[in-house]
Structures are given as C-alpha cells and as structure tokens.
Protein backbone atom coordinates (compact mmCIF):
# COMPACT_ATOMS: atom_id res chain seq x y z
CA MET A 1 -37.45 -10.82 27.94
CA LEU A 2 -39.83 -13.73 27.44
CA GLN A 3 -41.11 -12.34 24.15
CA ASP A 4 -37.55 -12.08 22.84
CA CYS A 5 -36.83 -15.70 23.82
CA LEU A 6 -40.00 -16.89 22.10
CA GLN A 7 -39.19 -14.96 18.92
CA SER A 8 -35.64 -16.30 18.67
CA GLY A 9 -36.89 -19.80 19.50
CA VAL A 10 -39.47 -19.69 16.71
CA LEU A 11 -36.85 -18.49 14.23
CA ALA A 12 -34.52 -21.27 15.36
CA MET A 13 -37.27 -23.88 14.91
CA MET A 14 -37.96 -22.58 11.40
CA THR A 15 -34.32 -23.01 10.42
CA ILE A 16 -33.29 -26.45 11.67
CA ALA A 17 -31.24 -28.36 9.10
CA GLU A 18 -28.42 -30.86 8.90
CA ASP A 19 -25.83 -28.55 7.32
CA ARG A 20 -24.95 -24.87 7.53
CA LYS A 21 -25.86 -24.08 3.92
CA GLU A 22 -29.40 -25.42 4.31
CA THR A 23 -29.83 -23.66 7.66
CA LEU A 24 -28.82 -20.31 6.18
CA SER A 25 -31.06 -20.91 3.17
CA GLN A 26 -34.02 -21.54 5.47
CA MET A 27 -33.19 -18.42 7.49
CA VAL A 28 -33.12 -16.31 4.31
CA ASP A 29 -36.51 -17.76 3.36
CA ALA A 30 -37.88 -17.08 6.86
CA PHE A 31 -36.72 -13.46 6.71
CA LYS A 32 -38.29 -13.07 3.26
CA PHE A 33 -41.56 -14.36 4.69
CA ILE A 34 -41.36 -11.94 7.62
CA GLU A 35 -40.68 -9.05 5.24
CA GLN A 36 -43.65 -10.04 3.09
CA GLN A 37 -45.92 -10.12 6.13
CA ALA A 38 -44.59 -7.14 8.11
CA GLY A 39 -43.04 -4.92 5.46
CA LEU A 40 -39.53 -3.95 4.52
CA VAL A 41 -36.89 -3.75 7.22
CA ASN A 42 -36.17 -0.07 6.54
CA ALA A 43 -39.82 0.74 7.15
CA LEU A 44 -39.72 -1.19 10.43
CA SER A 45 -36.58 0.42 11.82
CA GLU A 46 -36.90 2.98 14.55
CA PRO A 47 -36.25 6.66 13.79
CA GLY A 48 -33.53 8.53 15.66
CA ASN A 49 -30.88 5.84 16.01
CA MET A 50 -28.18 8.23 17.14
CA ILE A 51 -24.82 7.21 18.55
CA ASP A 52 -25.30 9.18 21.78
CA GLU A 53 -28.53 7.41 22.76
CA ALA A 54 -28.53 5.22 25.84
CA ARG A 55 -26.80 1.90 25.35
CA SER A 56 -28.86 -1.24 25.09
CA ASP A 57 -28.34 -4.87 24.29
CA GLU A 58 -30.75 -4.76 21.35
CA VAL A 59 -29.73 -6.12 17.99
CA LYS A 60 -31.46 -4.58 15.00
CA ILE A 61 -33.26 -7.05 12.78
CA ALA A 62 -31.84 -5.34 9.69
CA ASP A 63 -28.31 -6.14 10.92
CA VAL A 64 -29.19 -9.77 11.55
CA MET A 65 -30.87 -10.14 8.17
CA SER A 66 -27.98 -8.59 6.26
CA SER A 67 -25.46 -10.77 8.11
CA ILE A 68 -27.41 -13.95 7.36
CA ARG A 69 -27.81 -13.01 3.70
CA LEU A 70 -24.10 -12.25 3.44
CA LEU A 71 -23.14 -15.58 5.04
CA HIS A 72 -25.51 -17.46 2.74
CA LYS A 73 -24.16 -15.70 -0.34
CA SER A 74 -20.55 -16.39 0.66
CA ILE A 75 -21.26 -20.10 1.16
CA LEU A 76 -22.96 -20.31 -2.23
CA LYS A 77 -20.02 -18.57 -3.92
CA LYS A 78 -17.52 -20.84 -2.17
CA GLU A 79 -19.47 -23.91 -3.24
CA GLN A 80 -19.66 -22.67 -6.83
CA LYS A 81 -15.92 -21.97 -6.86
CA GLU A 82 -15.18 -25.46 -5.53
CA LYS A 83 -17.34 -27.00 -8.28
CA LEU A 84 -15.49 -25.00 -10.94
CA MET A 85 -12.15 -26.10 -9.55
CA LYS A 86 -13.25 -29.72 -9.42
CA TYR A 87 -15.00 -30.01 -12.79
CA GLY A 88 -13.42 -27.14 -14.71
CA ASN A 89 -15.38 -24.78 -16.94
C-alpha cells in the first residue's frame, strides 16, 4: 500500500501545473519518460489477464496512460477548433 501511495505521489509531483492542459502535457511527458526507462507498456503488462481471475482494485498502467493521452489529445483538438472558429482559416 505504501509503495502505491509513493508512486502516485511522485507522479502527481511531476505533473503540477496551473491549468489542465499543462498538467496533462506533463503527465504525457512523464509517461514517455517511464516508457523510455522501463520499456513499452505492452511488455510490462502481466500475462493471463482473464475475466474470471480474482477481483482486485488494481488499475493497469496501460489504461491510465491511454486515458491521459486521450484526454490530452481531446483538449488540444478542442483548443485548435476554438482558434479556427475565432480567427478563421
């Protein structure tokens, strides 16, 4: 339990920013760094993730990373769309 709290705390400290876009950008960068140091997420995932395994409260890092990347991409697209609407082509 303590190790999990320390890991999430370190990630949170790496991604402190004043707005959501910058926070997500820093999280994407932090995950890229982790992948460079530890390897690709698919290589890190555990084999045998079957539906009928015992339930746990674990969250897979691949799920977190893909969610953060998706949020970051959606914010960038929204911002780009707003700029196009404001300034035109």
